[in-house]
């Protein structure tokens, strides 16, 4: 595995460069990035739904084939709605994230209160719950802010991910050179000793 990574160090660097470029694009053009992500989701949903329908039509209809039919129709509908009204899909996604943040925040606060006599620094758990709760409330109140925030977080993640892969790739390249020089030195010494 190590040899595979050191031999193909350039592929890791390329992945890093792509991540870096995507991160920059997401931060510079957040609206375009969101549009592209929604278009990719729409394409995925349409293709997924179409394959589900093909499986029902050409597959052996046994048991609960109608479940796969309904799933395919829902997937196609989601793709069409995303293409027709992309803003609605983005807002719906933010509202799902907001609901998750509020519920998990409440759960963390309750857990911190219940654990206050059993663990030290339970306030950190409560603080995490409060932050999650606030984030969820902000996303509910201003879903547009939530959409942009998610694109920016995705962009920052891609930047950091890309940079780490580039650094890793060049370090692997250096290791490959050291290993090759070490093998040559061992091989040269073995020839002289024979």
N, C-alpha and C. Protein backbone atom coordinates (compact mmCIF):
# COMPACT_ATOMS: atom_id res chain seq x y z
N UNK A 1 0.83 -1.19 0.00
CA UNK A 1 0.00 0.00 0.00
C UNK A 1 0.88 1.26 0.00
N UNK A 2 1.93 1.24 0.84
CA UNK A 2 2.82 2.38 0.91
C UNK A 2 3.48 2.64 -0.44
N UNK A 3 3.91 1.56 -1.11
CA UNK A 3 4.55 1.69 -2.43
C UNK A 3 3.57 2.28 -3.45
N UNK A 4 2.29 1.88 -3.35
CA UNK A 4 1.26 2.41 -4.24
C UNK A 4 1.14 3.92 -4.07
N UNK A 5 1.14 4.37 -2.81
CA UNK A 5 1.02 5.81 -2.55
C UNK A 5 2.26 6.58 -3.00
N UNK A 6 3.45 6.04 -2.73
CA UNK A 6 4.65 6.77 -3.12
C UNK A 6 4.84 6.78 -4.63
N UNK A 7 4.43 5.72 -5.31
CA UNK A 7 4.55 5.67 -6.77
C UNK A 7 3.57 6.63 -7.43
N UNK A 8 2.38 6.73 -6.87
CA UNK A 8 1.34 7.58 -7.47
C UNK A 8 1.13 8.88 -6.69
N UNK A 9 2.19 9.45 -6.19
CA UNK A 9 2.11 10.69 -5.41
C UNK A 9 1.46 11.80 -6.21
N UNK A 10 1.69 11.80 -7.51
CA UNK A 10 1.18 12.86 -8.38
C UNK A 10 -0.35 12.85 -8.43
N UNK A 11 -0.97 11.66 -8.31
CA UNK A 11 -2.43 11.57 -8.32
C UNK A 11 -3.01 12.23 -7.07
N UNK A 12 -2.31 12.08 -5.94
CA UNK A 12 -2.75 12.71 -4.70
C UNK A 12 -2.63 14.22 -4.81
N UNK A 13 -1.54 14.69 -5.42
CA UNK A 13 -1.37 16.14 -5.62
C UNK A 13 -2.47 16.67 -6.54
N UNK A 14 -2.79 15.94 -7.61
CA UNK A 14 -3.86 16.37 -8.51
C UNK A 14 -5.20 16.46 -7.80
N UNK A 15 -5.50 15.47 -6.96
CA UNK A 15 -6.74 15.53 -6.17
C UNK A 15 -6.74 16.78 -5.30
N UNK A 16 -5.59 17.09 -4.72
CA UNK A 16 -5.49 18.28 -3.88
C UNK A 16 -5.71 19.55 -4.67
N UNK A 17 -5.15 19.61 -5.87
CA UNK A 17 -5.32 20.80 -6.71
C UNK A 17 -6.79 20.97 -7.09
N UNK A 18 -7.46 19.86 -7.43
CA UNK A 18 -8.89 19.94 -7.76
C UNK A 18 -9.68 20.43 -6.55
N UNK A 19 -9.38 19.91 -5.37
CA UNK A 19 -10.05 20.35 -4.15
C UNK A 19 -9.81 21.82 -3.89
N UNK A 20 -8.57 22.26 -4.08
CA UNK A 20 -8.21 23.66 -3.89
C UNK A 20 -8.98 24.54 -4.87
N UNK A 21 -9.02 24.16 -6.13
CA UNK A 21 -9.76 24.95 -7.13
C UNK A 21 -11.25 25.00 -6.82
N UNK A 22 -11.81 23.85 -6.40
CA UNK A 22 -13.23 23.84 -6.05
C UNK A 22 -13.49 24.76 -4.85
N UNK A 23 -12.61 24.70 -3.86
CA UNK A 23 -12.76 25.56 -2.68
C UNK A 23 -12.72 27.03 -3.03
N UNK A 24 -11.79 27.40 -3.89
CA UNK A 24 -11.69 28.80 -4.33
C UNK A 24 -12.95 29.20 -5.08
N UNK A 25 -13.42 28.34 -5.97
CA UNK A 25 -14.63 28.63 -6.74
C UNK A 25 -15.83 28.79 -5.82
N UNK A 26 -15.94 27.92 -4.81
CA UNK A 26 -17.07 27.99 -3.88
C UNK A 26 -17.05 29.30 -3.09
N UNK A 27 -15.86 29.78 -2.74
CA UNK A 27 -15.76 31.02 -1.97
C UNK A 27 -15.93 32.26 -2.85
N UNK A 28 -15.44 32.20 -4.08
CA UNK A 28 -15.52 33.36 -4.97
C UNK A 28 -16.90 33.46 -5.62
N UNK A 29 -17.47 32.31 -6.02
CA UNK A 29 -18.78 32.28 -6.69
C UNK A 29 -19.73 31.37 -5.94
N UNK A 30 -20.16 31.74 -4.73
CA UNK A 30 -21.02 30.83 -3.96
C UNK A 30 -22.35 30.53 -4.65
N UNK A 31 -22.94 31.51 -5.31
CA UNK A 31 -24.24 31.27 -5.97
C UNK A 31 -24.08 30.28 -7.12
N UNK A 32 -23.00 30.42 -7.91
CA UNK A 32 -22.75 29.48 -9.01
C UNK A 32 -22.49 28.08 -8.47
N UNK A 33 -21.73 27.99 -7.38
CA UNK A 33 -21.44 26.70 -6.77
C UNK A 33 -22.72 26.03 -6.33
N UNK A 34 -23.60 26.79 -5.69
CA UNK A 34 -24.88 26.24 -5.25
C UNK A 34 -25.71 25.77 -6.44
N UNK A 35 -25.71 26.55 -7.51
CA UNK A 35 -26.46 26.18 -8.71
C UNK A 35 -25.94 24.86 -9.29
N UNK A 36 -24.62 24.73 -9.35
CA UNK A 36 -24.02 23.50 -9.88
C UNK A 36 -24.34 22.31 -8.98
N UNK A 37 -24.25 22.50 -7.66
CA UNK A 37 -24.56 21.41 -6.74
C UNK A 37 -26.02 20.97 -6.87
N UNK A 38 -26.92 21.94 -7.01
CA UNK A 38 -28.32 21.60 -7.19
C UNK A 38 -28.55 20.88 -8.52
N UNK A 39 -27.86 21.32 -9.56
CA UNK A 39 -27.99 20.64 -10.86
C UNK A 39 -27.47 19.20 -10.78
N UNK A 40 -26.37 19.00 -10.06
CA UNK A 40 -25.85 17.64 -9.90
C UNK A 40 -26.83 16.77 -9.11
N UNK A 41 -27.44 17.35 -8.07
CA UNK A 41 -28.44 16.59 -7.32
C UNK A 41 -29.63 16.24 -8.21
N UNK A 42 -30.09 17.21 -9.02
CA UNK A 42 -31.23 16.96 -9.91
C UNK A 42 -30.90 15.83 -10.89
N UNK A 43 -29.69 15.88 -11.46
CA UNK A 43 -29.29 14.83 -12.40
C UNK A 43 -29.24 13.47 -11.71
N UNK A 44 -28.66 13.44 -10.51
CA UNK A 44 -28.60 12.19 -9.76
C UNK A 44 -29.99 11.65 -9.48
N UNK A 45 -30.90 12.51 -9.00
CA UNK A 45 -32.25 12.07 -8.67
C UNK A 45 -32.98 11.54 -9.91
N UNK A 46 -32.83 12.22 -11.05
CA UNK A 46 -33.49 11.78 -12.28
C UNK A 46 -32.95 10.43 -12.74
N UNK A 47 -31.64 10.28 -12.74
CA UNK A 47 -31.03 9.02 -13.19
C UNK A 47 -31.39 7.89 -12.22
N UNK A 48 -31.34 8.17 -10.94
CA UNK A 48 -31.69 7.15 -9.94
C UNK A 48 -33.14 6.70 -10.12
N UNK A 49 -34.03 7.66 -10.30
CA UNK A 49 -35.44 7.33 -10.51
C UNK A 49 -35.67 6.54 -11.79
N UNK A 50 -34.97 6.96 -12.85
CA UNK A 50 -35.12 6.26 -14.12
C UNK A 50 -34.66 4.81 -14.01
N UNK A 51 -33.53 4.58 -13.34
CA UNK A 51 -33.05 3.20 -13.17
C UNK A 51 -34.00 2.38 -12.30
N UNK A 52 -34.61 3.02 -11.31
CA UNK A 52 -35.59 2.30 -10.50
C UNK A 52 -36.79 1.88 -11.35
N UNK A 53 -37.25 2.77 -12.23
CA UNK A 53 -38.37 2.43 -13.11
C UNK A 53 -37.99 1.34 -14.11
N UNK A 54 -36.79 1.42 -14.65
CA UNK A 54 -36.31 0.39 -15.58
C UNK A 54 -36.26 -0.96 -14.87
N UNK A 55 -35.81 -0.95 -13.62
CA UNK A 55 -35.74 -2.20 -12.87
C UNK A 55 -37.13 -2.79 -12.67
N UNK A 56 -38.12 -1.93 -12.44
CA UNK A 56 -39.50 -2.42 -12.27
C UNK A 56 -40.04 -2.93 -13.60
N UNK A 57 -39.80 -2.18 -14.69
CA UNK A 57 -40.37 -2.55 -15.99
C UNK A 57 -39.74 -3.81 -16.57
N UNK A 58 -38.42 -3.92 -16.46
CA UNK A 58 -37.74 -5.04 -17.09
C UNK A 58 -37.32 -6.14 -16.12
N UNK A 59 -37.47 -5.87 -14.84
CA UNK A 59 -37.12 -6.87 -13.85
C UNK A 59 -38.26 -7.82 -13.61
N UNK A 60 -37.99 -8.80 -12.87
CA UNK A 60 -39.05 -9.75 -12.51
C UNK A 60 -39.86 -9.12 -11.39
N UNK A 61 -41.12 -8.87 -11.66
CA UNK A 61 -42.00 -8.22 -10.70
C UNK A 61 -42.44 -9.23 -9.64
N UNK A 62 -41.68 -9.29 -8.57
CA UNK A 62 -42.00 -10.19 -7.48
C UNK A 62 -42.21 -9.38 -6.21
N UNK A 63 -43.10 -9.85 -5.39
CA UNK A 63 -43.28 -9.25 -4.08
C UNK A 63 -43.74 -7.81 -4.15
N UNK A 64 -42.95 -6.94 -3.59
CA UNK A 64 -43.33 -5.54 -3.45
C UNK A 64 -42.67 -4.66 -4.51
N UNK A 65 -42.92 -4.94 -5.75
CA UNK A 65 -42.35 -4.16 -6.84
C UNK A 65 -42.84 -2.72 -6.82
N UNK A 66 -44.03 -2.54 -6.27
CA UNK A 66 -44.63 -1.20 -6.25
C UNK A 66 -43.83 -0.25 -5.36
N UNK A 67 -43.11 -0.79 -4.36
CA UNK A 67 -42.28 0.06 -3.50
C UNK A 67 -41.17 0.69 -4.33
N UNK A 68 -40.55 -0.10 -5.18
CA UNK A 68 -39.49 0.42 -6.04
C UNK A 68 -40.06 1.39 -7.08
N UNK A 69 -41.27 1.13 -7.55
CA UNK A 69 -41.94 2.03 -8.48
C UNK A 69 -42.18 3.39 -7.83
N UNK A 70 -42.71 3.38 -6.61
CA UNK A 70 -42.98 4.64 -5.89
C UNK A 70 -41.67 5.37 -5.61
N UNK A 71 -40.65 4.62 -5.21
CA UNK A 71 -39.35 5.24 -4.94
C UNK A 71 -38.80 5.90 -6.20
N UNK A 72 -38.91 5.23 -7.33
CA UNK A 72 -38.44 5.80 -8.60
C UNK A 72 -39.20 7.05 -8.98
N UNK A 73 -40.52 7.03 -8.80
CA UNK A 73 -41.34 8.20 -9.13
C UNK A 73 -41.01 9.38 -8.21
N UNK A 74 -40.79 9.10 -6.93
CA UNK A 74 -40.43 10.17 -5.98
C UNK A 74 -39.08 10.77 -6.36
N UNK A 75 -38.15 9.93 -6.72
CA UNK A 75 -36.82 10.41 -7.10
C UNK A 75 -36.90 11.28 -8.35
N UNK A 76 -37.66 10.85 -9.34
CA UNK A 76 -37.83 11.64 -10.56
C UNK A 76 -38.51 12.97 -10.24
N UNK A 77 -39.53 12.93 -9.38
CA UNK A 77 -40.22 14.16 -8.99
C UNK A 77 -39.26 15.12 -8.29
N UNK A 78 -38.41 14.59 -7.40
CA UNK A 78 -37.44 15.45 -6.71
C UNK A 78 -36.48 16.09 -7.70
N UNK A 79 -36.03 15.33 -8.70
CA UNK A 79 -35.14 15.88 -9.72
C UNK A 79 -35.81 16.96 -10.54
N UNK A 80 -37.08 16.73 -10.93
CA UNK A 80 -37.81 17.72 -11.72
C UNK A 80 -38.08 18.99 -10.92
N UNK A 81 -38.46 18.84 -9.64
CA UNK A 81 -38.69 20.02 -8.79
C UNK A 81 -37.40 20.80 -8.61
N UNK A 82 -36.30 20.10 -8.44
CA UNK A 82 -35.01 20.78 -8.28
C UNK A 82 -34.66 21.58 -9.53
N UNK A 83 -34.92 21.01 -10.71
CA UNK A 83 -34.65 21.73 -11.96
C UNK A 83 -35.61 22.90 -12.15
N UNK A 84 -36.89 22.70 -11.81
CA UNK A 84 -37.90 23.75 -12.03
C UNK A 84 -37.81 24.87 -11.01
N UNK A 85 -37.57 24.52 -9.75
CA UNK A 85 -37.55 25.52 -8.67
C UNK A 85 -36.34 25.24 -7.78
N UNK A 86 -35.12 25.54 -8.25
CA UNK A 86 -33.94 25.19 -7.46
C UNK A 86 -33.88 25.89 -6.10
N UNK A 87 -34.41 27.10 -6.02
CA UNK A 87 -34.39 27.82 -4.75
C UNK A 87 -35.20 27.10 -3.68
N UNK A 88 -36.32 26.51 -4.08
CA UNK A 88 -37.16 25.77 -3.14
C UNK A 88 -36.40 24.57 -2.59
N UNK A 89 -35.67 23.86 -3.44
CA UNK A 89 -34.90 22.70 -3.00
C UNK A 89 -33.81 23.12 -2.03
N UNK A 90 -33.12 24.22 -2.33
CA UNK A 90 -32.06 24.71 -1.44
C UNK A 90 -32.63 25.10 -0.09
N UNK A 91 -33.76 25.81 -0.10
CA UNK A 91 -34.38 26.23 1.16
C UNK A 91 -34.85 25.01 1.95
N UNK A 92 -35.44 24.03 1.27
CA UNK A 92 -35.89 22.81 1.95
C UNK A 92 -34.71 22.10 2.61
N UNK A 93 -33.59 22.06 1.93
CA UNK A 93 -32.40 21.42 2.49
C UNK A 93 -31.93 22.16 3.74
N UNK A 94 -31.91 23.48 3.67
CA UNK A 94 -31.49 24.28 4.83
C UNK A 94 -32.45 24.07 6.00
N UNK A 95 -33.74 23.96 5.72
CA UNK A 95 -34.71 23.75 6.79
C UNK A 95 -34.53 22.38 7.45
N UNK A 96 -34.16 21.38 6.66
CA UNK A 96 -33.87 20.06 7.25
C UNK A 96 -32.65 20.16 8.16
N UNK A 97 -31.61 20.85 7.71
CA UNK A 97 -30.41 21.04 8.54
C UNK A 97 -30.77 21.85 9.79
N UNK A 98 -31.61 22.85 9.64
CA UNK A 98 -32.03 23.67 10.79
C UNK A 98 -32.77 22.82 11.81
N UNK A 99 -33.68 21.97 11.36
CA UNK A 99 -34.42 21.10 12.27
C UNK A 99 -33.47 20.16 13.01
N UNK A 100 -32.52 19.60 12.28
CA UNK A 100 -31.53 18.72 12.89
C UNK A 100 -30.73 19.49 13.94
N UNK A 101 -30.30 20.70 13.62
CA UNK A 101 -29.49 21.48 14.55
C UNK A 101 -30.28 21.80 15.83
N UNK A 102 -31.53 22.19 15.69
CA UNK A 102 -32.35 22.52 16.86
C UNK A 102 -32.57 21.28 17.73
N UNK A 103 -32.97 20.17 17.11
CA UNK A 103 -33.24 18.96 17.88
C UNK A 103 -31.97 18.42 18.56
N UNK A 104 -30.87 18.39 17.84
CA UNK A 104 -29.64 17.89 18.45
C UNK A 104 -29.15 18.85 19.53
N UNK A 105 -29.36 20.15 19.35
CA UNK A 105 -28.98 21.12 20.38
C UNK A 105 -29.77 20.92 21.66
N UNK A 106 -31.07 20.73 21.53
CA UNK A 106 -31.92 20.48 22.70
C UNK A 106 -31.48 19.19 23.39
N UNK A 107 -31.22 18.15 22.60
CA UNK A 107 -30.80 16.87 23.16
C UNK A 107 -29.49 17.02 23.94
N UNK A 108 -28.54 17.76 23.40
CA UNK A 108 -27.25 17.95 24.09
C UNK A 108 -27.42 18.72 25.39
N UNK A 109 -28.27 19.73 25.38
CA UNK A 109 -28.49 20.52 26.60
C UNK A 109 -29.13 19.64 27.67
N UNK A 110 -30.13 18.86 27.31
CA UNK A 110 -30.78 17.95 28.25
C UNK A 110 -29.78 16.93 28.78
N UNK A 111 -28.94 16.39 27.90
CA UNK A 111 -27.95 15.41 28.32
C UNK A 111 -26.95 16.05 29.28
N UNK A 112 -26.54 17.28 29.03
CA UNK A 112 -25.60 17.96 29.91
C UNK A 112 -26.22 18.17 31.29
N UNK A 113 -27.50 18.54 31.33
CA UNK A 113 -28.18 18.74 32.62
C UNK A 113 -28.25 17.42 33.38
N UNK A 114 -28.57 16.35 32.69
CA UNK A 114 -28.68 15.04 33.35
C UNK A 114 -27.32 14.51 33.82
N UNK A 115 -26.25 14.87 33.10
CA UNK A 115 -24.93 14.35 33.43
C UNK A 115 -24.12 15.27 34.34
N UNK A 116 -24.70 16.38 34.77
CA UNK A 116 -23.93 17.39 35.52
C UNK A 116 -23.33 16.84 36.81
N UNK A 117 -23.95 15.85 37.43
CA UNK A 117 -23.43 15.28 38.67
C UNK A 117 -22.51 14.11 38.43
N UNK A 118 -22.47 13.63 37.19
CA UNK A 118 -21.68 12.44 36.90
C UNK A 118 -20.37 12.72 36.18
N UNK A 119 -20.28 13.84 35.45
CA UNK A 119 -19.05 14.14 34.71
C UNK A 119 -18.60 15.57 35.01
N UNK A 120 -17.34 15.82 34.80
CA UNK A 120 -16.80 17.18 34.91
C UNK A 120 -16.92 17.87 33.56
N UNK A 121 -16.98 19.18 33.60
CA UNK A 121 -17.01 20.02 32.39
C UNK A 121 -18.21 19.71 31.49
N UNK A 122 -19.35 19.38 32.10
CA UNK A 122 -20.55 19.12 31.32
C UNK A 122 -21.02 20.37 30.60
N UNK A 123 -20.52 21.52 31.07
CA UNK A 123 -20.90 22.78 30.43
C UNK A 123 -20.45 22.83 28.98
N UNK A 124 -19.38 22.09 28.63
CA UNK A 124 -18.94 22.05 27.23
C UNK A 124 -20.00 21.39 26.35
N UNK A 125 -20.61 20.33 26.87
CA UNK A 125 -21.68 19.67 26.14
C UNK A 125 -22.88 20.61 26.00
N UNK A 126 -23.19 21.31 27.08
CA UNK A 126 -24.30 22.28 27.04
C UNK A 126 -24.00 23.41 26.07
N UNK A 127 -22.75 23.89 26.08
CA UNK A 127 -22.37 24.97 25.16
C UNK A 127 -22.51 24.52 23.71
N UNK A 128 -22.07 23.29 23.42
CA UNK A 128 -22.25 22.75 22.08
C UNK A 128 -23.72 22.68 21.69
N UNK A 129 -24.55 22.31 22.65
CA UNK A 129 -25.99 22.27 22.40
C UNK A 129 -26.57 23.64 22.13
N UNK A 130 -26.13 24.63 22.91
CA UNK A 130 -26.62 26.01 22.70
C UNK A 130 -26.19 26.53 21.33
N UNK A 131 -24.94 26.28 20.96
CA UNK A 131 -24.46 26.72 19.64
C UNK A 131 -25.26 26.06 18.52
N UNK A 132 -25.52 24.77 18.66
CA UNK A 132 -26.31 24.06 17.66
C UNK A 132 -27.72 24.62 17.59
N UNK A 133 -28.30 24.90 18.75
CA UNK A 133 -29.65 25.47 18.82
C UNK A 133 -29.70 26.84 18.14
N UNK A 134 -28.71 27.68 18.43
CA UNK A 134 -28.66 29.02 17.82
C UNK A 134 -28.51 28.91 16.31
N UNK A 135 -27.64 28.02 15.86
CA UNK A 135 -27.46 27.83 14.42
C UNK A 135 -28.77 27.42 13.77
N UNK A 136 -29.48 26.48 14.38
CA UNK A 136 -30.76 26.04 13.83
C UNK A 136 -31.78 27.16 13.78
N UNK A 137 -31.84 27.97 14.82
CA UNK A 137 -32.78 29.09 14.85
C UNK A 137 -32.45 30.10 13.76
N UNK A 138 -31.15 30.40 13.60
CA UNK A 138 -30.73 31.34 12.55
C UNK A 138 -31.10 30.79 11.17
N UNK A 139 -30.87 29.50 10.94
CA UNK A 139 -31.21 28.90 9.65
C UNK A 139 -32.71 28.92 9.41
N UNK A 140 -33.52 28.69 10.46
CA UNK A 140 -34.97 28.77 10.30
C UNK A 140 -35.40 30.20 9.97
N UNK A 141 -34.80 31.16 10.68
CA UNK A 141 -35.20 32.57 10.50
C UNK A 141 -34.73 33.13 9.17
N UNK A 142 -33.54 32.74 8.74
CA UNK A 142 -32.96 33.27 7.50
C UNK A 142 -32.37 32.13 6.68
N UNK A 143 -33.21 31.35 5.98
CA UNK A 143 -32.68 30.20 5.23
C UNK A 143 -31.68 30.60 4.15
N UNK A 144 -31.80 31.81 3.61
CA UNK A 144 -30.83 32.26 2.61
C UNK A 144 -29.42 32.34 3.17
N UNK A 145 -29.31 32.79 4.42
CA UNK A 145 -28.01 32.84 5.10
C UNK A 145 -27.48 31.42 5.27
N UNK A 146 -28.39 30.50 5.60
CA UNK A 146 -27.98 29.11 5.76
C UNK A 146 -27.43 28.51 4.49
N UNK A 147 -28.04 28.83 3.37
CA UNK A 147 -27.58 28.30 2.08
C UNK A 147 -26.16 28.79 1.80
N UNK A 148 -25.95 30.10 1.92
CA UNK A 148 -24.62 30.65 1.66
C UNK A 148 -23.60 30.12 2.66
N UNK A 149 -24.00 29.99 3.92
CA UNK A 149 -23.08 29.48 4.94
C UNK A 149 -22.61 28.08 4.59
N UNK A 150 -23.55 27.24 4.12
CA UNK A 150 -23.18 25.87 3.77
C UNK A 150 -22.21 25.84 2.59
N UNK A 151 -22.43 26.70 1.62
CA UNK A 151 -21.52 26.74 0.48
C UNK A 151 -20.14 27.22 0.93
N UNK A 152 -20.11 28.21 1.81
CA UNK A 152 -18.81 28.70 2.31
C UNK A 152 -18.08 27.64 3.14
N UNK A 153 -18.83 26.94 3.97
CA UNK A 153 -18.20 25.86 4.76
C UNK A 153 -17.66 24.79 3.83
N UNK A 154 -18.44 24.44 2.82
CA UNK A 154 -17.98 23.46 1.84
C UNK A 154 -16.73 23.97 1.12
N UNK A 155 -16.70 25.24 0.77
CA UNK A 155 -15.54 25.82 0.12
C UNK A 155 -14.30 25.80 1.01
N UNK A 156 -14.47 26.18 2.28
CA UNK A 156 -13.34 26.15 3.22
C UNK A 156 -12.84 24.72 3.43
N UNK A 157 -13.77 23.79 3.54
CA UNK A 157 -13.39 22.39 3.68
C UNK A 157 -12.57 21.94 2.47
N UNK A 158 -13.06 22.26 1.28
CA UNK A 158 -12.35 21.84 0.06
C UNK A 158 -10.96 22.47 -0.01
N UNK A 159 -10.84 23.73 0.42
CA UNK A 159 -9.51 24.37 0.44
C UNK A 159 -8.56 23.62 1.37
N UNK A 160 -9.00 23.36 2.59
CA UNK A 160 -8.14 22.67 3.56
C UNK A 160 -7.84 21.25 3.12
N UNK A 161 -8.84 20.56 2.60
CA UNK A 161 -8.65 19.20 2.11
C UNK A 161 -7.63 19.20 0.96
N UNK A 162 -7.80 20.14 0.02
CA UNK A 162 -6.89 20.22 -1.11
C UNK A 162 -5.46 20.50 -0.68
N UNK A 163 -5.29 21.45 0.24
CA UNK A 163 -3.94 21.78 0.72
C UNK A 163 -3.28 20.59 1.41
N UNK A 164 -4.05 19.87 2.23
CA UNK A 164 -3.45 18.72 2.91
C UNK A 164 -3.05 17.62 1.93
N UNK A 165 -3.87 17.42 0.90
CA UNK A 165 -3.51 16.40 -0.09
C UNK A 165 -2.27 16.81 -0.89
N UNK A 166 -2.15 18.09 -1.21
CA UNK A 166 -0.97 18.56 -1.94
C UNK A 166 0.29 18.35 -1.10
N UNK A 167 0.23 18.74 0.17
CA UNK A 167 1.38 18.55 1.06
C UNK A 167 1.71 17.07 1.19
N UNK A 168 0.69 16.24 1.39
CA UNK A 168 0.91 14.80 1.50
C UNK A 168 1.53 14.24 0.23
N UNK A 169 1.03 14.64 -0.92
CA UNK A 169 1.56 14.14 -2.19
C UNK A 169 3.04 14.46 -2.37
N UNK A 170 3.42 15.70 -2.05
CA UNK A 170 4.83 16.06 -2.20
C UNK A 170 5.71 15.39 -1.15
N UNK A 171 5.17 15.13 0.02
CA UNK A 171 5.95 14.38 1.02
C UNK A 171 6.15 12.94 0.55
N UNK A 172 5.11 12.36 -0.04
CA UNK A 172 5.24 11.00 -0.57
C UNK A 172 6.27 10.96 -1.70
N UNK A 173 6.29 12.02 -2.50
CA UNK A 173 7.29 12.09 -3.58
C UNK A 173 8.69 12.08 -3.00
N UNK A 174 8.89 12.86 -1.92
CA UNK A 174 10.20 12.88 -1.26
C UNK A 174 10.56 11.53 -0.67
N UNK A 175 9.59 10.85 -0.07
CA UNK A 175 9.85 9.52 0.47
C UNK A 175 10.21 8.53 -0.62
N UNK A 176 9.55 8.65 -1.76
CA UNK A 176 9.83 7.75 -2.87
C UNK A 176 11.29 7.92 -3.30
N UNK A 177 11.74 9.17 -3.40
CA UNK A 177 13.14 9.41 -3.78
C UNK A 177 14.11 8.85 -2.77
N UNK A 178 13.82 9.03 -1.48
CA UNK A 178 14.71 8.50 -0.44
C UNK A 178 14.74 6.98 -0.46
N UNK A 179 13.58 6.37 -0.68
CA UNK A 179 13.52 4.90 -0.73
C UNK A 179 14.32 4.39 -1.92
N UNK A 180 14.17 5.04 -3.09
CA UNK A 180 14.91 4.60 -4.28
C UNK A 180 16.41 4.75 -4.08
N UNK A 181 16.83 5.87 -3.46
CA UNK A 181 18.26 6.05 -3.20
C UNK A 181 18.78 5.01 -2.21
N UNK A 182 17.94 4.66 -1.21
CA UNK A 182 18.32 3.65 -0.24
C UNK A 182 18.45 2.27 -0.86
N UNK A 183 17.53 1.95 -1.76
CA UNK A 183 17.58 0.65 -2.45
C UNK A 183 18.81 0.58 -3.34
N UNK A 184 19.11 1.68 -4.05
CA UNK A 184 20.31 1.70 -4.90
C UNK A 184 21.58 1.54 -4.07
N UNK A 185 21.60 2.20 -2.91
CA UNK A 185 22.79 2.08 -2.05
C UNK A 185 22.94 0.65 -1.53
N UNK A 186 21.83 0.03 -1.17
CA UNK A 186 21.90 -1.36 -0.72
C UNK A 186 22.29 -2.29 -1.86
N UNK A 187 21.74 -2.04 -3.03
CA UNK A 187 22.05 -2.87 -4.20
C UNK A 187 23.50 -2.71 -4.61
N UNK A 188 24.01 -1.48 -4.58
CA UNK A 188 25.41 -1.23 -4.96
C UNK A 188 26.36 -1.86 -3.98
N UNK A 189 26.01 -1.81 -2.68
CA UNK A 189 26.87 -2.40 -1.65
C UNK A 189 26.86 -3.92 -1.75
N UNK A 190 25.72 -4.47 -2.14
CA UNK A 190 25.61 -5.93 -2.26
C UNK A 190 26.44 -6.43 -3.43
N UNK A 191 26.50 -5.64 -4.52
CA UNK A 191 27.30 -6.05 -5.68
C UNK A 191 28.78 -6.06 -5.34
N UNK A 192 29.22 -5.04 -4.58
CA UNK A 192 30.64 -4.97 -4.25
C UNK A 192 31.05 -6.08 -3.30
N UNK A 193 30.13 -6.48 -2.40
CA UNK A 193 30.48 -7.50 -1.44
C UNK A 193 30.49 -8.90 -2.03
N UNK A 194 29.93 -9.08 -3.23
CA UNK A 194 29.81 -10.42 -3.80
C UNK A 194 31.06 -10.83 -4.49
